[in-house]
N, C-alpha and C. Protein backbone atom coordinates (compact mmCIF):
# COMPACT_ATOMS: atom_id res chain seq x y z
N MET A 1 44.00 -71.07 7.32
CA MET A 1 44.92 -70.37 8.11
C MET A 1 46.23 -70.00 7.61
N ASN A 2 46.60 -69.24 7.34
CA ASN A 2 47.64 -68.98 6.92
C ASN A 2 48.81 -68.01 7.93
N ALA A 3 49.98 -68.75 7.93
CA ALA A 3 51.58 -67.94 8.81
C ALA A 3 52.27 -67.68 8.46
N ASP A 4 53.18 -67.28 8.72
CA ASP A 4 54.58 -67.04 7.89
C ASP A 4 54.92 -68.33 7.58
N ASP A 5 55.25 -68.17 6.18
CA ASP A 5 55.50 -69.34 5.51
C ASP A 5 55.00 -70.43 5.86
N ALA A 6 53.75 -70.90 5.63
CA ALA A 6 53.10 -71.92 6.34
C ALA A 6 51.27 -71.93 5.67
N THR A 7 50.52 -73.04 5.61
CA THR A 7 49.32 -72.55 5.13
C THR A 7 48.82 -73.86 5.95
N ILE A 8 47.70 -73.49 6.58
CA ILE A 8 47.04 -75.11 7.37
C ILE A 8 45.67 -74.50 7.03
N ILE A 9 45.02 -75.76 6.66
CA ILE A 9 43.60 -75.65 6.12
C ILE A 9 43.07 -77.07 7.18
N THR A 10 41.76 -76.98 7.64
CA THR A 10 41.28 -77.71 8.58
C THR A 10 40.14 -78.92 8.17
N TYR A 11 39.95 -79.55 7.73
CA TYR A 11 38.59 -79.84 7.60
C TYR A 11 37.78 -80.78 8.61
N GLY A 12 36.49 -80.61 9.29
CA GLY A 12 35.84 -81.46 10.19
C GLY A 12 34.55 -80.98 10.48
N VAL A 13 33.94 -81.54 11.29
CA VAL A 13 32.60 -81.49 11.96
C VAL A 13 32.49 -80.91 13.02
N GLY A 14 31.39 -80.28 13.73
CA GLY A 14 31.24 -80.71 14.87
C GLY A 14 29.57 -80.18 15.39
N TYR A 15 29.66 -80.36 16.46
CA TYR A 15 28.06 -80.59 17.27
C TYR A 15 28.36 -79.38 18.28
N ASP A 16 27.05 -78.32 18.35
CA ASP A 16 26.70 -77.55 19.50
C ASP A 16 25.69 -78.34 19.77
N TYR A 17 25.62 -77.93 21.53
CA TYR A 17 24.32 -77.85 21.98
C TYR A 17 24.00 -76.70 22.89
N LEU A 18 23.01 -76.46 22.48
CA LEU A 18 22.03 -75.19 22.64
C LEU A 18 21.52 -75.78 24.35
N ILE A 19 21.83 -74.41 25.28
CA ILE A 19 20.87 -74.31 26.52
C ILE A 19 19.84 -73.78 26.48
N TYR A 20 18.63 -74.09 25.96
CA TYR A 20 17.29 -73.24 25.93
C TYR A 20 16.84 -72.85 27.04
N ASN A 21 16.28 -71.42 27.42
CA ASN A 21 15.59 -70.66 28.70
C ASN A 21 14.49 -69.86 28.13
N SER A 22 14.02 -69.08 28.81
CA SER A 22 13.09 -68.18 28.47
C SER A 22 13.63 -66.77 27.64
N SER A 23 14.86 -66.67 27.64
CA SER A 23 15.56 -65.42 26.95
C SER A 23 15.59 -65.89 25.78
N PRO A 24 16.00 -64.58 25.04
CA PRO A 24 16.45 -64.67 23.78
C PRO A 24 17.74 -65.05 23.44
N VAL A 25 18.68 -65.15 24.58
CA VAL A 25 19.85 -65.44 24.56
C VAL A 25 20.46 -66.56 25.03
N THR A 26 20.58 -67.50 24.17
CA THR A 26 20.83 -69.14 24.35
C THR A 26 22.44 -69.21 24.33
N PRO A 27 22.48 -69.96 25.70
CA PRO A 27 24.03 -70.17 25.26
C PRO A 27 24.30 -71.52 25.08
N PHE A 28 25.44 -71.95 24.67
CA PHE A 28 25.45 -73.40 24.19
C PHE A 28 27.21 -73.61 24.18
N VAL A 29 27.50 -75.15 24.57
CA VAL A 29 29.22 -75.71 24.33
C VAL A 29 28.99 -76.35 22.93
N GLY A 30 30.02 -76.92 22.50
CA GLY A 30 30.04 -77.47 21.53
C GLY A 30 31.40 -78.60 21.43
N ALA A 31 31.69 -79.22 20.48
CA ALA A 31 32.91 -80.13 20.41
C ALA A 31 33.01 -80.64 18.44
N ASN A 32 34.20 -80.49 18.16
CA ASN A 32 34.15 -80.74 16.96
C ASN A 32 36.02 -81.67 16.72
N VAL A 33 35.81 -82.60 15.69
CA VAL A 33 36.96 -83.23 15.24
C VAL A 33 36.71 -82.94 13.77
N GLY A 34 38.09 -83.49 13.54
CA GLY A 34 38.41 -83.32 11.75
C GLY A 34 39.94 -83.31 11.63
N TYR A 35 40.43 -83.21 10.39
CA TYR A 35 41.77 -83.44 9.45
C TYR A 35 42.45 -81.77 9.13
N GLN A 36 43.77 -81.93 9.94
CA GLN A 36 44.58 -80.53 9.61
C GLN A 36 45.37 -80.74 8.74
N GLN A 37 45.88 -80.03 7.68
CA GLN A 37 46.69 -80.09 6.60
C GLN A 37 47.30 -79.14 6.85
N VAL A 38 48.95 -79.48 6.45
CA VAL A 38 50.09 -78.31 7.11
C VAL A 38 51.17 -78.66 6.09
N ASP A 39 50.85 -77.71 5.47
CA ASP A 39 52.17 -77.37 4.44
C ASP A 39 52.96 -76.21 4.51
N ILE A 40 54.41 -76.59 5.03
CA ILE A 40 55.43 -75.24 5.71
C ILE A 40 56.10 -75.57 4.42
N ASP A 41 56.28 -73.98 4.00
CA ASP A 41 57.27 -73.68 2.54
C ASP A 41 58.83 -74.41 2.98
N ASP A 42 59.21 -75.01 1.97
CA ASP A 42 60.58 -74.96 2.14
C ASP A 42 60.89 -76.35 3.67
N SER A 43 59.77 -77.19 3.47
CA SER A 43 60.46 -78.23 4.94
C SER A 43 59.94 -79.55 4.03
N SER A 44 60.27 -79.83 4.70
CA SER A 44 59.87 -81.65 4.44
C SER A 44 59.14 -82.23 5.96
N LEU A 45 58.63 -81.65 6.68
CA LEU A 45 58.07 -81.67 8.06
C LEU A 45 56.45 -82.13 7.56
N ASP A 46 55.82 -83.09 8.09
CA ASP A 46 54.63 -83.35 7.98
C ASP A 46 53.91 -83.47 9.42
N LEU A 47 53.05 -82.31 9.62
CA LEU A 47 52.51 -81.86 10.96
C LEU A 47 50.78 -82.32 10.42
N SER A 48 50.72 -82.68 9.63
CA SER A 48 49.46 -83.04 8.80
C SER A 48 48.48 -84.22 10.03
N GLY A 49 47.43 -84.04 10.00
CA GLY A 49 46.68 -85.32 11.03
C GLY A 49 45.27 -84.64 11.75
N MET A 50 44.97 -85.31 12.74
CA MET A 50 43.32 -85.27 13.69
C MET A 50 43.75 -83.94 14.19
N THR A 51 42.88 -83.47 14.64
CA THR A 51 42.57 -82.61 15.35
C THR A 51 41.05 -82.57 16.13
N TYR A 52 41.10 -81.61 17.24
CA TYR A 52 39.73 -81.87 17.67
C TYR A 52 39.65 -80.62 18.82
N GLY A 53 38.49 -80.13 19.06
CA GLY A 53 38.31 -78.86 19.84
C GLY A 53 37.14 -78.91 20.87
N LEU A 54 36.96 -78.23 21.60
CA LEU A 54 35.81 -77.33 22.31
C LEU A 54 35.26 -76.32 22.02
N GLU A 55 33.93 -75.58 22.61
CA GLU A 55 33.52 -74.30 21.97
C GLU A 55 32.50 -73.98 22.83
N LEU A 56 32.66 -72.78 23.21
CA LEU A 56 31.47 -72.18 24.08
C LEU A 56 30.89 -70.59 23.55
N GLY A 57 29.70 -70.52 23.61
CA GLY A 57 29.56 -69.30 23.25
C GLY A 57 27.67 -68.82 23.70
N LEU A 58 27.30 -67.52 22.83
CA LEU A 58 25.87 -67.45 23.18
C LEU A 58 25.39 -67.13 21.46
N GLN A 59 24.21 -67.07 21.81
CA GLN A 59 23.32 -67.21 20.34
C GLN A 59 22.18 -66.02 20.19
N TYR A 60 22.14 -65.03 19.90
CA TYR A 60 20.90 -64.22 20.60
C TYR A 60 20.12 -64.23 18.76
N SER A 61 18.67 -64.44 19.31
CA SER A 61 17.74 -64.76 18.68
C SER A 61 17.11 -63.22 17.77
N ILE A 62 17.39 -62.97 17.17
CA ILE A 62 16.70 -61.48 16.49
C ILE A 62 15.05 -61.96 15.91
N ASN A 63 14.72 -62.47 15.36
CA ASN A 63 13.22 -63.58 14.94
C ASN A 63 13.77 -64.97 14.97
N LYS A 64 12.48 -65.26 13.98
CA LYS A 64 12.51 -66.77 13.99
C LYS A 64 13.40 -67.31 12.99
N ASN A 65 13.86 -66.01 12.03
CA ASN A 65 15.00 -66.77 11.02
C ASN A 65 16.32 -66.27 11.19
N PHE A 66 16.52 -65.31 11.84
CA PHE A 66 17.99 -64.72 11.96
C PHE A 66 18.34 -64.97 13.82
N ASP A 67 19.46 -65.31 13.72
CA ASP A 67 20.50 -65.43 14.87
C ASP A 67 21.91 -64.68 15.13
N LEU A 68 22.07 -63.88 15.77
CA LEU A 68 23.62 -63.70 16.12
C LEU A 68 24.26 -64.70 16.95
N GLU A 69 25.60 -64.72 16.45
CA GLU A 69 26.26 -65.68 17.32
C GLU A 69 27.77 -65.79 17.47
N ALA A 70 28.33 -65.55 18.67
CA ALA A 70 29.56 -65.38 19.82
C ALA A 70 30.17 -66.34 20.46
N GLY A 71 31.46 -66.80 20.28
CA GLY A 71 31.74 -67.59 21.15
C GLY A 71 33.34 -67.71 21.27
N TYR A 72 34.03 -68.95 21.53
CA TYR A 72 35.44 -68.99 21.37
C TYR A 72 35.39 -70.43 21.25
N ARG A 73 36.38 -70.68 20.65
CA ARG A 73 36.88 -72.27 20.25
C ARG A 73 38.21 -72.75 19.98
N ARG A 74 38.43 -73.21 21.31
CA ARG A 74 39.77 -74.25 21.41
C ARG A 74 39.98 -75.20 20.32
N ASN A 75 40.98 -75.51 19.90
CA ASN A 75 41.37 -76.21 19.02
C ASN A 75 43.23 -77.50 19.48
N PHE A 76 42.87 -78.54 19.49
CA PHE A 76 43.90 -79.00 19.95
C PHE A 76 44.47 -79.82 18.88
N SER A 77 45.85 -80.53 18.83
CA SER A 77 46.50 -81.19 17.35
C SER A 77 47.62 -81.97 18.42
N SER A 78 47.61 -83.20 17.90
CA SER A 78 48.50 -84.15 18.98
C SER A 78 49.36 -84.46 17.99
N ASN A 79 49.75 -83.78 16.50
CA ASN A 79 50.51 -83.95 15.72
C ASN A 79 51.54 -83.53 15.70
N ASP A 80 53.05 -84.43 15.27
CA ASP A 80 53.98 -83.72 15.29
C ASP A 80 55.17 -84.53 14.42
N ASP A 81 56.40 -84.11 14.20
CA ASP A 81 57.30 -84.80 13.58
C ASP A 81 58.80 -84.83 14.09
N THR A 82 59.79 -85.14 13.50
CA THR A 82 60.97 -84.93 14.23
C THR A 82 62.15 -84.34 13.17
N VAL A 83 62.81 -83.66 13.12
CA VAL A 83 63.60 -82.86 11.54
C VAL A 83 65.06 -83.40 12.55
N VAL A 84 66.10 -83.54 11.51
CA VAL A 84 67.62 -83.57 12.08
C VAL A 84 68.27 -82.51 11.61
N ILE A 85 68.60 -81.56 12.62
CA ILE A 85 69.65 -80.50 12.37
C ILE A 85 70.88 -80.75 12.97
N SER A 86 72.21 -80.96 12.52
CA SER A 86 73.06 -80.82 12.42
C SER A 86 73.83 -82.45 13.15
N GLY A 87 72.80 -83.17 13.13
CA GLY A 87 72.95 -84.10 13.60
C GLY A 87 72.34 -84.38 14.81
N GLN A 88 71.29 -83.50 14.99
CA GLN A 88 70.29 -83.69 16.01
C GLN A 88 69.02 -84.39 16.02
N SER A 89 68.51 -84.69 16.75
CA SER A 89 66.80 -85.06 16.05
C SER A 89 66.09 -84.27 17.17
N ILE A 90 64.78 -83.15 16.10
CA ILE A 90 63.99 -82.30 17.07
C ILE A 90 63.03 -82.36 16.56
N LYS A 91 61.94 -82.61 17.90
CA LYS A 91 60.78 -82.75 17.95
C LYS A 91 59.84 -81.66 17.54
N VAL A 92 59.41 -81.20 16.06
CA VAL A 92 58.35 -80.00 16.12
C VAL A 92 56.67 -80.49 16.13
N SER A 93 56.10 -79.64 17.30
CA SER A 93 54.77 -79.69 16.89
C SER A 93 54.16 -78.60 17.12
N LEU A 94 52.85 -78.39 16.55
CA LEU A 94 51.65 -77.44 16.38
C LEU A 94 51.39 -76.88 17.83
N GLU A 95 50.86 -75.73 18.30
CA GLU A 95 50.48 -75.28 19.19
C GLU A 95 48.96 -75.28 18.90
N ASP A 96 48.20 -75.64 20.47
CA ASP A 96 46.98 -75.49 20.22
C ASP A 96 46.64 -73.91 19.82
N THR A 97 45.20 -74.06 19.27
CA THR A 97 44.51 -72.59 19.10
C THR A 97 43.99 -72.14 19.38
N GLY A 98 43.50 -71.00 19.89
CA GLY A 98 42.26 -70.40 20.29
C GLY A 98 41.60 -69.21 19.64
N ILE A 99 40.18 -69.23 19.25
CA ILE A 99 40.08 -68.53 18.29
C ILE A 99 38.33 -67.89 18.22
N TRP A 100 38.33 -66.80 18.94
CA TRP A 100 36.95 -65.89 19.14
C TRP A 100 36.66 -65.21 17.68
N TYR A 101 35.30 -65.68 17.74
CA TYR A 101 34.26 -65.49 16.49
C TYR A 101 33.18 -64.76 16.61
N ILE A 102 32.55 -63.88 15.57
CA ILE A 102 31.20 -63.47 15.23
C ILE A 102 30.38 -64.06 14.08
N GLY A 103 29.43 -64.33 14.14
CA GLY A 103 28.52 -64.98 13.16
C GLY A 103 27.20 -64.39 13.06
N ALA A 104 26.25 -64.70 12.04
CA ALA A 104 25.35 -64.68 11.64
C ALA A 104 24.51 -65.94 11.07
N ASN A 105 23.79 -66.34 11.86
CA ASN A 105 22.92 -67.71 11.49
C ASN A 105 21.11 -67.21 10.75
N TYR A 106 20.96 -68.57 9.75
CA TYR A 106 19.95 -68.09 9.11
C TYR A 106 19.28 -69.50 9.18
N ASN A 107 17.87 -69.33 9.92
CA ASN A 107 17.06 -70.83 10.02
C ASN A 107 16.02 -70.84 9.07
N PHE A 108 16.11 -71.95 8.53
CA PHE A 108 14.70 -72.17 7.49
C PHE A 108 14.10 -73.66 7.86
């Protein structure tokens, strides 16, 4: 993820629980946990650390090998750092992020 004057890279693992039914559309819920590396240009702030999130969505089965998927993922971070400006300590933290996505899956 690129932001103004910053680069954020997230590494992690997740699990989705598919709620099977008699329809070709399968809802799912999921959770993830990982590590977030945050590099802010021209700054000594260190906001890197653990991240975790929740996810929900729908999966549509085209045939036995191909699925389409759409969902929403919300990631949370409790990482913060303190910077001193003009003698004042200021706590800086990352905001939670929300991501809408679509994707295609190949099952083998």
